[in-house]
Protein backbone atom coordinates (compact mmCIF):
# COMPACT_ATOMS: atom_id res chain seq x y z
CA MET A 1 -70.61 -70.71 57.69
CA SER A 2 -72.45 -72.75 55.18
CA ASP A 3 -72.02 -73.85 51.64
CA ASN A 4 -75.03 -70.63 50.59
CA THR A 5 -73.76 -68.33 52.33
CA LYS A 6 -70.81 -66.82 50.78
CA PRO A 7 -68.33 -63.45 52.06
CA GLN A 8 -70.97 -61.35 50.40
CA SER A 9 -73.97 -62.67 51.28
CA TRP A 10 -74.53 -60.68 54.29
CA LEU A 11 -74.42 -57.28 52.06
CA PHE A 12 -77.02 -58.38 49.68
CA ILE A 13 -79.29 -59.39 52.36
CA THR A 14 -78.68 -56.60 54.27
CA LEU A 15 -79.27 -54.20 51.11
CA ALA A 16 -82.32 -56.01 50.32
CA ALA A 17 -83.97 -55.77 53.49
CA ALA A 18 -82.95 -51.77 54.05
CA SER A 19 -84.53 -51.24 50.55
CA VAL A 20 -87.73 -52.71 51.47
CA LEU A 21 -87.27 -50.35 54.66
CA MET A 22 -86.70 -47.67 52.24
CA VAL A 23 -90.45 -48.20 50.86
CA THR A 24 -92.18 -49.03 54.15
CA MET A 25 -90.61 -46.36 56.46
CA GLY A 26 -90.57 -43.64 53.07
CA ALA A 27 -94.31 -43.87 52.66
CA ARG A 28 -94.85 -43.90 56.42
CA GLN A 29 -92.87 -40.94 57.25
CA SER A 30 -94.63 -38.89 54.15
CA LEU A 31 -98.15 -38.40 55.94
CA GLY A 32 -97.58 -35.70 57.98
CA LEU A 33 -97.48 -33.50 54.41
CA PHE A 34 -101.21 -34.96 53.95
CA ILE A 35 -102.60 -33.35 56.78
CA PHE A 36 -103.74 -29.72 55.92
CA PRO A 37 -104.46 -31.41 52.31
CA LEU A 38 -106.63 -34.33 54.08
CA ASN A 39 -107.77 -31.53 55.72
CA ASP A 40 -109.19 -29.15 53.49
CA SER A 41 -110.32 -31.87 50.84
CA THR A 42 -112.67 -34.15 53.91
CA GLY A 43 -113.07 -30.58 56.28
CA LEU A 44 -112.85 -33.78 58.84
CA GLY A 45 -110.55 -31.48 61.45
CA LEU A 46 -107.09 -31.56 62.33
CA VAL A 47 -107.86 -33.24 65.60
CA MET A 48 -109.63 -35.98 64.12
CA ILE A 49 -106.59 -36.60 61.41
CA SER A 50 -104.17 -36.56 64.28
CA PHE A 51 -105.82 -38.96 66.09
CA ALA A 52 -106.53 -42.09 63.51
CA MET A 53 -102.97 -40.89 62.93
CA ALA A 54 -101.85 -41.52 66.42
CA VAL A 55 -104.32 -44.65 66.10
CA GLY A 56 -101.31 -45.46 63.17
CA GLN A 57 -98.08 -44.68 65.65
CA PHE A 58 -100.15 -47.55 68.25
CA VAL A 59 -101.03 -50.03 65.30
CA TRP A 60 -97.25 -49.47 63.94
CA GLY A 61 -95.84 -50.61 67.09
CA ALA A 62 -98.17 -53.25 68.25
CA VAL A 63 -98.18 -55.79 65.40
CA GLN A 64 -94.16 -55.28 65.44
CA PRO A 65 -94.01 -57.93 68.35
CA LEU A 66 -96.60 -60.19 66.14
CA ALA A 67 -95.17 -59.55 63.22
CA GLY A 68 -91.76 -60.88 64.93
CA ALA A 69 -93.05 -63.58 66.78
CA ALA A 70 -94.34 -64.81 63.24
CA ALA A 71 -91.51 -64.59 61.51
CA ASP A 72 -89.11 -66.22 63.91
CA ARG A 73 -91.74 -69.23 63.79
CA PHE A 74 -92.36 -69.33 60.04
CA GLY A 75 -90.16 -67.28 58.47
CA PRO A 76 -90.39 -63.54 57.48
CA THR A 77 -90.58 -63.98 53.61
CA ARG A 78 -94.11 -64.96 53.62
CA VAL A 79 -94.67 -62.50 56.80
CA LEU A 80 -93.09 -59.62 54.44
CA VAL A 81 -95.34 -59.45 51.63
CA VAL A 82 -98.13 -60.01 53.17
CA GLY A 83 -97.34 -56.44 54.72
CA VAL A 84 -96.59 -54.92 51.76
CA LEU A 85 -99.82 -56.05 49.94
CA ILE A 86 -101.59 -54.88 53.44
CA LEU A 87 -99.49 -51.12 53.13
CA SER A 88 -100.57 -50.73 49.07
CA LEU A 89 -104.29 -51.63 50.27
CA GLY A 90 -104.10 -49.00 52.73
CA SER A 91 -103.25 -45.96 50.97
CA ALA A 92 -104.96 -47.02 47.81
CA MET A 93 -108.14 -47.17 49.78
CA THR A 94 -107.83 -43.78 52.01
CA PRO A 95 -108.65 -40.88 49.50
CA PHE A 96 -112.14 -43.19 49.11
CA VAL A 97 -112.71 -42.11 52.68
CA SER A 98 -115.02 -39.62 53.78
CA SER A 99 -115.33 -40.08 57.70
CA GLY A 100 -113.17 -40.55 60.57
CA LEU A 101 -113.87 -43.87 61.08
CA GLY A 102 -112.44 -44.75 57.85
CA LEU A 103 -109.59 -42.70 58.29
CA VAL A 104 -108.91 -44.71 61.37
CA VAL A 105 -109.07 -48.00 59.22
CA SER A 106 -107.47 -47.37 56.14
CA ILE A 107 -104.49 -44.87 57.56
CA GLY A 108 -104.62 -46.36 61.64
CA LEU A 109 -104.49 -49.94 60.56
CA LEU A 110 -104.46 -51.10 57.91
CA SER A 111 -100.87 -48.91 56.22
CA ALA A 112 -99.95 -49.19 59.99
CA ILE A 113 -100.65 -52.71 60.14
CA GLY A 114 -98.66 -53.37 56.64
CA SER A 115 -95.65 -51.02 57.39
CA GLY A 116 -95.17 -52.27 60.65
CA ILE A 117 -95.03 -55.93 59.52
CA GLY A 118 -92.45 -54.64 57.13
CA SER A 119 -90.31 -52.80 59.22
CA PHE A 120 -87.60 -53.09 62.18
CA SER A 121 -88.34 -55.92 64.15
CA VAL A 122 -88.16 -58.62 61.07
CA LEU A 123 -85.83 -56.89 58.86
CA ILE A 124 -83.16 -56.38 61.42
CA GLY A 125 -83.55 -59.78 63.08
CA ALA A 126 -83.98 -61.71 59.92
CA VAL A 127 -80.46 -60.68 58.79
CA ALA A 128 -79.10 -61.24 62.61
CA GLY A 129 -79.40 -64.62 62.30
CA ARG A 130 -78.06 -64.48 58.89
CA VAL A 131 -74.67 -62.77 59.67
CA SER A 132 -71.86 -63.20 61.58
CA VAL A 133 -71.70 -61.53 65.21
CA ASN A 134 -69.21 -58.76 64.07
CA GLN A 135 -71.54 -58.01 61.33
CA ARG A 136 -74.98 -57.64 63.14
CA GLY A 137 -74.39 -53.48 64.23
CA THR A 138 -72.79 -52.64 60.71
CA ALA A 139 -76.12 -54.53 59.61
CA ALA A 140 -78.42 -52.88 61.69
CA GLY A 141 -76.65 -49.79 60.64
CA VAL A 142 -77.53 -50.16 56.69
CA ILE A 143 -80.73 -51.04 57.59
CA ASN A 144 -81.56 -48.54 59.80
CA ALA A 145 -79.58 -46.29 56.83
CA GLY A 146 -82.39 -47.57 54.37
CA GLY A 147 -84.76 -46.18 56.31
CA SER A 148 -83.88 -42.55 56.06
CA PHE A 149 -83.21 -43.15 52.51
CA GLY A 150 -86.92 -43.76 52.35
CA GLN A 151 -87.33 -40.46 53.85
CA PHE A 152 -85.22 -38.49 52.10
CA VAL A 153 -86.62 -39.81 49.23
CA PHE A 154 -90.48 -40.42 49.72
CA ALA A 155 -90.60 -37.05 51.02
CA PRO A 156 -89.92 -34.49 48.54
CA LEU A 157 -91.10 -37.20 46.91
CA SER A 158 -94.44 -37.34 48.22
CA GLN A 159 -94.69 -32.95 48.18
CA THR A 160 -94.03 -33.17 44.05
CA LEU A 161 -97.33 -36.02 44.17
CA ILE A 162 -99.84 -33.93 45.78
CA THR A 163 -98.29 -30.82 44.04
CA LEU A 164 -98.84 -32.81 40.34
CA LEU A 165 -101.82 -34.74 41.13
CA GLY A 166 -103.54 -33.74 44.19
CA TRP A 167 -103.31 -35.53 47.73
CA MET A 168 -105.62 -38.64 45.91
CA GLY A 169 -102.98 -38.83 43.27
CA ALA A 170 -100.44 -38.78 45.53
CA MET A 171 -101.85 -41.35 47.76
CA TRP A 172 -102.91 -43.70 44.79
CA SER A 173 -99.44 -43.24 43.50
CA LEU A 174 -97.85 -44.40 46.68
CA ALA A 175 -100.21 -47.15 46.32
CA VAL A 176 -98.04 -48.27 43.52
CA ILE A 177 -94.60 -47.84 44.51
CA THR A 178 -95.09 -50.12 47.76
CA LEU A 179 -95.28 -52.76 45.67
CA GLY A 180 -92.00 -52.13 44.11
CA ALA A 181 -90.83 -54.16 47.65
CA LEU A 182 -91.73 -57.02 47.04
CA PRO A 183 -89.02 -58.24 44.50
CA LEU A 184 -86.49 -57.02 47.08
CA VAL A 185 -88.35 -59.84 49.04
CA HIS A 186 -87.53 -62.32 47.34
CA ILE A 187 -83.83 -61.20 46.72
CA MET A 188 -83.09 -61.89 50.89
CA SER A 189 -85.29 -65.47 50.85
CA ARG A 190 -82.09 -66.78 48.35
CA THR A 191 -79.97 -66.23 51.74
CA SER A 192 -80.53 -69.35 54.67
CA PRO A 193 -80.17 -68.81 58.20
CA ILE A 194 -76.07 -69.82 59.16
CA SER A 195 -76.52 -69.67 63.41
CA VAL A 196 -77.96 -69.55 66.38
CA SER A 197 -76.74 -67.14 69.20
CA PRO A 198 -75.85 -69.80 72.04
CA MET A 199 -76.85 -67.34 74.07
CA ALA A 200 -80.57 -68.22 72.92
CA GLY A 201 -80.35 -72.26 74.42
CA GLY A 202 -82.99 -74.00 74.42
CA TRP A 203 -85.36 -71.29 75.45
CA SER A 204 -88.63 -71.56 74.14
CA MET A 205 -90.49 -68.12 72.63
CA ARG A 206 -92.43 -67.99 75.70
CA THR A 207 -89.70 -68.63 78.12
CA THR A 208 -87.66 -66.05 76.36
CA VAL A 209 -90.00 -63.21 76.89
CA ARG A 210 -91.16 -64.17 80.22
CA ASN A 211 -87.33 -63.92 81.19
CA ALA A 212 -86.88 -60.62 79.23
CA LEU A 213 -89.71 -58.82 80.70
CA ALA A 214 -88.73 -59.62 84.60
CA ASP A 215 -84.99 -58.37 83.32
CA ARG A 216 -84.53 -55.12 84.40
CA SER A 217 -82.57 -53.72 81.75
CA TYR A 218 -84.88 -54.82 79.22
CA LEU A 219 -87.27 -52.47 80.64
CA LEU A 220 -85.51 -49.37 80.52
CA LEU A 221 -84.43 -50.10 76.94
CA HIS A 222 -88.34 -49.72 76.97
CA ALA A 223 -88.43 -46.73 79.26
CA GLY A 224 -85.51 -45.28 76.54
CA PHE A 225 -87.60 -46.31 73.01
CA PHE A 226 -91.00 -44.73 74.62
CA THR A 227 -89.22 -41.55 74.39
CA CYS A 228 -87.99 -41.79 71.03
CA GLY A 229 -90.98 -42.69 69.43
CA PHE A 230 -93.15 -39.37 71.39
CA HIS A 231 -89.89 -37.16 69.92
CA ILE A 232 -90.09 -38.90 66.33
CA ALA A 233 -94.08 -39.06 66.07
CA LEU A 234 -94.30 -35.78 67.07
CA ILE A 235 -91.89 -33.76 64.31
CA VAL A 236 -93.14 -36.73 61.40
CA THR A 237 -96.78 -35.61 62.19
CA HIS A 238 -97.12 -31.96 63.62
CA LEU A 239 -93.32 -30.52 61.96
CA PRO A 240 -96.03 -29.55 58.54
CA GLY A 241 -98.29 -28.00 61.04
CA GLU A 242 -95.12 -25.96 62.59
CA VAL A 243 -93.86 -24.73 59.67
CA ASN A 244 -97.52 -23.38 58.93
CA LEU A 245 -97.32 -21.56 61.79
CA TYR A 246 -94.56 -20.07 61.16
CA GLY A 247 -95.59 -18.47 57.51
CA LEU A 248 -93.70 -20.32 55.74
CA PRO A 249 -94.22 -22.63 52.53
CA ALA A 250 -95.08 -26.23 52.72
CA SER A 251 -91.60 -26.85 50.65
CA VAL A 252 -89.83 -26.27 53.95
CA ALA A 253 -91.70 -28.93 55.65
CA SER A 254 -90.95 -31.67 53.05
CA TRP A 255 -87.56 -30.56 52.73
CA THR A 256 -87.19 -30.62 55.76
CA LEU A 257 -88.11 -34.21 56.55
CA ALA A 258 -85.85 -34.91 53.65
CA ILE A 259 -83.09 -33.94 55.28
CA ILE A 260 -83.67 -35.58 58.34
CA GLY A 261 -83.48 -38.89 56.09
CA LEU A 262 -80.28 -37.53 54.54
CA ALA A 263 -78.42 -36.79 58.15
CA ASN A 264 -79.77 -39.93 59.79
CA ILE A 265 -78.23 -42.52 56.66
CA ALA A 266 -74.64 -41.03 58.19
CA GLY A 267 -75.90 -41.41 61.80
CA SER A 268 -77.54 -44.23 60.86
CA LEU A 269 -74.03 -46.02 59.87
CA LEU A 270 -72.02 -44.08 62.82
CA ALA A 271 -74.96 -46.18 64.77
CA GLY A 272 -73.90 -49.25 63.65
CA TRP A 273 -70.36 -48.53 63.99
CA CYS A 274 -70.09 -47.56 67.64
CA VAL A 275 -72.19 -50.33 68.26
CA ASN A 276 -69.79 -53.02 67.27
CA HIS A 277 -66.62 -50.69 69.47
CA TYR A 278 -68.84 -49.45 72.26
CA ARG A 279 -71.29 -50.86 74.26
CA GLY A 280 -75.23 -49.89 73.18
CA LYS A 281 -76.12 -47.87 76.53
CA TYR A 282 -73.55 -45.22 76.62
CA VAL A 283 -74.40 -44.77 72.71
CA LEU A 284 -78.02 -44.39 73.52
CA SER A 285 -77.53 -42.29 76.60
CA TYR A 286 -75.31 -40.26 73.83
CA VAL A 287 -78.50 -40.20 71.30
CA TYR A 288 -80.89 -39.17 73.77
CA GLY A 289 -78.64 -36.52 75.71
CA SER A 290 -78.09 -34.71 71.88
CA ARG A 291 -81.67 -34.55 71.04
CA ALA A 292 -83.29 -32.35 74.60
CA LEU A 293 -80.47 -30.01 73.89
CA LEU A 294 -81.28 -29.87 70.40
CA VAL A 295 -84.91 -29.71 70.94
CA LEU A 296 -84.11 -26.49 73.58
CA LEU A 297 -81.82 -24.58 71.29
CA TYR A 298 -84.31 -25.09 68.72
CA LEU A 299 -87.09 -22.87 71.03
CA ALA A 300 -84.40 -19.93 71.28
CA VAL A 301 -82.99 -19.31 67.98
CA PRO A 302 -85.54 -17.07 65.22
CA LYS A 303 -87.76 -19.58 63.02
CA THR A 304 -86.58 -18.95 59.26
CA ALA A 305 -86.50 -21.63 56.67
CA TRP A 306 -83.09 -22.58 57.44
CA THR A 307 -83.35 -22.76 60.83
CA PHE A 308 -85.64 -25.40 60.67
CA TYR A 309 -82.79 -27.08 57.45
CA LEU A 310 -80.17 -26.78 60.76
CA TYR A 311 -82.23 -28.31 63.06
CA ALA A 312 -83.58 -31.24 60.70
CA ILE A 313 -79.12 -31.81 60.10
CA GLY A 314 -78.98 -32.10 64.25
CA LEU A 315 -81.40 -34.22 64.29
CA GLY A 316 -80.97 -36.19 61.41
CA PHE A 317 -78.11 -37.46 62.86
CA THR A 318 -79.73 -39.03 66.06
CA TRP A 319 -83.05 -39.66 64.38
CA LEU A 320 -83.27 -43.25 63.60
CA ALA A 321 -79.76 -44.15 65.76
CA THR A 322 -81.39 -45.85 68.77
CA VAL A 323 -82.47 -48.33 66.34
CA PRO A 324 -78.69 -50.51 66.04
CA PRO A 325 -77.89 -50.07 69.43
CA THR A 326 -80.96 -51.32 70.42
CA ALA A 327 -81.30 -54.26 68.66
CA GLY A 328 -78.20 -54.55 69.73
CA VAL A 329 -77.84 -55.02 73.33
CA ILE A 330 -81.17 -57.25 73.20
CA GLY A 331 -78.72 -59.23 70.98
CA LYS A 332 -76.34 -59.42 73.56
CA LEU A 333 -78.48 -60.14 76.48
CA PHE A 334 -80.80 -62.94 75.18
CA GLY A 335 -78.98 -63.98 71.70
CA THR A 336 -80.70 -63.47 68.53
CA ARG A 337 -82.54 -66.88 68.26
CA TYR A 338 -86.40 -64.43 69.17
CA LEU A 339 -84.38 -60.98 67.88
CA ALA A 340 -87.60 -60.29 66.25
CA THR A 341 -89.82 -60.88 68.90
CA LEU A 342 -88.27 -58.87 72.08
CA PHE A 343 -87.45 -56.06 69.10
CA GLY A 344 -90.52 -55.65 68.24
CA LEU A 345 -92.07 -55.62 71.86
CA THR A 346 -89.64 -52.66 72.50
CA LEU A 347 -90.74 -51.48 69.98
CA LEU A 348 -94.50 -51.18 71.15
CA SER A 349 -93.09 -49.71 73.81
CA HIS A 350 -91.64 -46.75 71.04
CA GLN A 351 -94.80 -46.54 69.45
CA ILE A 352 -96.97 -46.31 72.72
CA GLY A 353 -94.66 -42.64 72.92
CA GLY A 354 -95.22 -42.29 69.50
CA PHE A 355 -99.01 -42.31 70.05
CA LEU A 356 -99.29 -39.81 72.46
CA GLY A 357 -96.90 -37.74 70.68
CA ALA A 358 -99.02 -37.46 67.95
CA TRP A 359 -102.87 -37.47 69.45
CA LEU A 360 -101.00 -35.06 72.34
CA GLY A 361 -99.64 -32.63 69.67
CA GLY A 362 -103.06 -32.16 67.70
CA LEU A 363 -104.93 -31.38 71.13
CA ALA A 364 -101.80 -28.73 72.52
CA PHE A 365 -102.27 -27.24 69.30
CA SER A 366 -105.84 -26.91 69.46
CA HIS A 367 -105.97 -25.74 72.88
CA ASN A 368 -103.22 -23.66 72.66
CA GLY A 369 -102.82 -22.40 68.96
CA ASP A 370 -98.73 -24.07 69.21
CA TYR A 371 -96.41 -26.74 70.07
CA LEU A 372 -94.37 -24.84 72.27
CA TRP A 373 -95.66 -26.99 75.57
CA MET A 374 -94.80 -30.37 73.35
CA TRP A 375 -91.41 -29.10 72.56
CA TYR A 376 -90.83 -28.83 76.26
CA ALA A 377 -92.25 -32.63 77.07
CA ASP A 378 -90.02 -33.52 74.04
CA ALA A 379 -87.20 -32.11 75.96
CA LEU A 380 -87.76 -33.53 79.41
CA LEU A 381 -88.57 -37.18 78.27
CA ALA A 382 -85.31 -36.66 76.16
CA SER A 383 -83.79 -35.85 79.35
CA ALA A 384 -84.76 -38.67 81.41
CA ALA A 385 -84.49 -41.64 78.77
CA ALA A 386 -80.57 -40.38 78.24
CA LEU A 387 -80.17 -41.13 82.06
CA CYS A 388 -82.09 -44.40 82.59
CA ASN A 389 -80.15 -46.39 79.99
CA LEU A 390 -77.33 -45.82 81.85
CA PRO A 391 -77.95 -48.62 84.48
CA ILE A 392 -77.93 -51.39 81.70
CA ARG A 393 -76.72 -53.68 82.21
CA GLU A 394 -74.21 -54.82 79.18
CA PRO A 395 -71.91 -57.31 78.37
CA ARG A 396 -68.94 -55.51 76.86
CA VAL A 397 -67.97 -56.38 73.39
CA GLU A 398 -64.69 -58.28 74.03
CA THR A 399 -67.11 -60.84 76.03
CA LEU A 400 -70.04 -60.82 73.28
CA ALA A 401 -67.45 -62.15 70.83
CA VAL A 402 -66.43 -64.91 73.16
CA LEU A 403 -69.43 -66.25 73.24
CA ALA A 404 -70.27 -66.05 69.67
């Protein structure tokens, strides 16, 4: 361990990364609360607004491997600063748009690019190379919990700002708040990498990516993560519409999203602990399977405010709990040297699913007046994901410790 990496440094950089993700994910995950106010103001229609947000879901994932590759090559600090500034610009521009194309540019491109750059692939990749192998699972769980805490904070905050300032004032406020992540990026830059996993060998980035894409286990991780993106985007984008469908106030939607975020703090930390003690593929299979059961249970019960709150608690424990084990399995298979790039590619698959979850949800509501078939699709995909993670080739924890 180098002189500039004191025993407590791993905690400092992990908390700084978690705080950055709190801001970028919090701002992004609260956008669904703006759909109906934005539609009332602009008259663009639910399908158009859903499409813009669906584009944002895809772009958020598409930028991840590019941002990860840039961070692997040039370091994460400059990459993260650019991301925060672009995210703030996208939020600031949104109130000025009056067309579908403008909304696609502001929310679908700028906000998504900015939040994607300042998200999992760069942050987890940066921290993984600066902590020991025994700390990586815990660090990933803490970072993940930061994103969940951002959802807990930003969902009710955004709803309050919309009520007090209108949706335009709320969006401008988010643009200013986002800039608060810049000092946190500076804190991260003060810690240098301490090691490169020996499994990275002497491979170049191109060779590593080519080998990964030819590995069945890596592709199975992509398949599971695709369904995760579908699930999360469907709920984040259309939960306010689902709540409105049953005649409940908008505050129920914002607090449901907040409770999901709060519950996932515990879920993320638990997932990080499990990665250090169990093989990640089993953790992933459990997470996806429990999602399928939760969705089917939700469909079977009467819809009240407490239904959504209790559903949120159950969802929260699995919400982003897929991130630590997915990143952990990739690190076990290919090392941490290009983890930001490889994990970024899985996040691209995640957000292809996210695009479909957001866009098809809008189409389903427009044609059927509800989201019933989307819930069935969500449960079916989650069940398939639970099964496809089981054949993944993954070293045991003891083997990994020896290699490290």
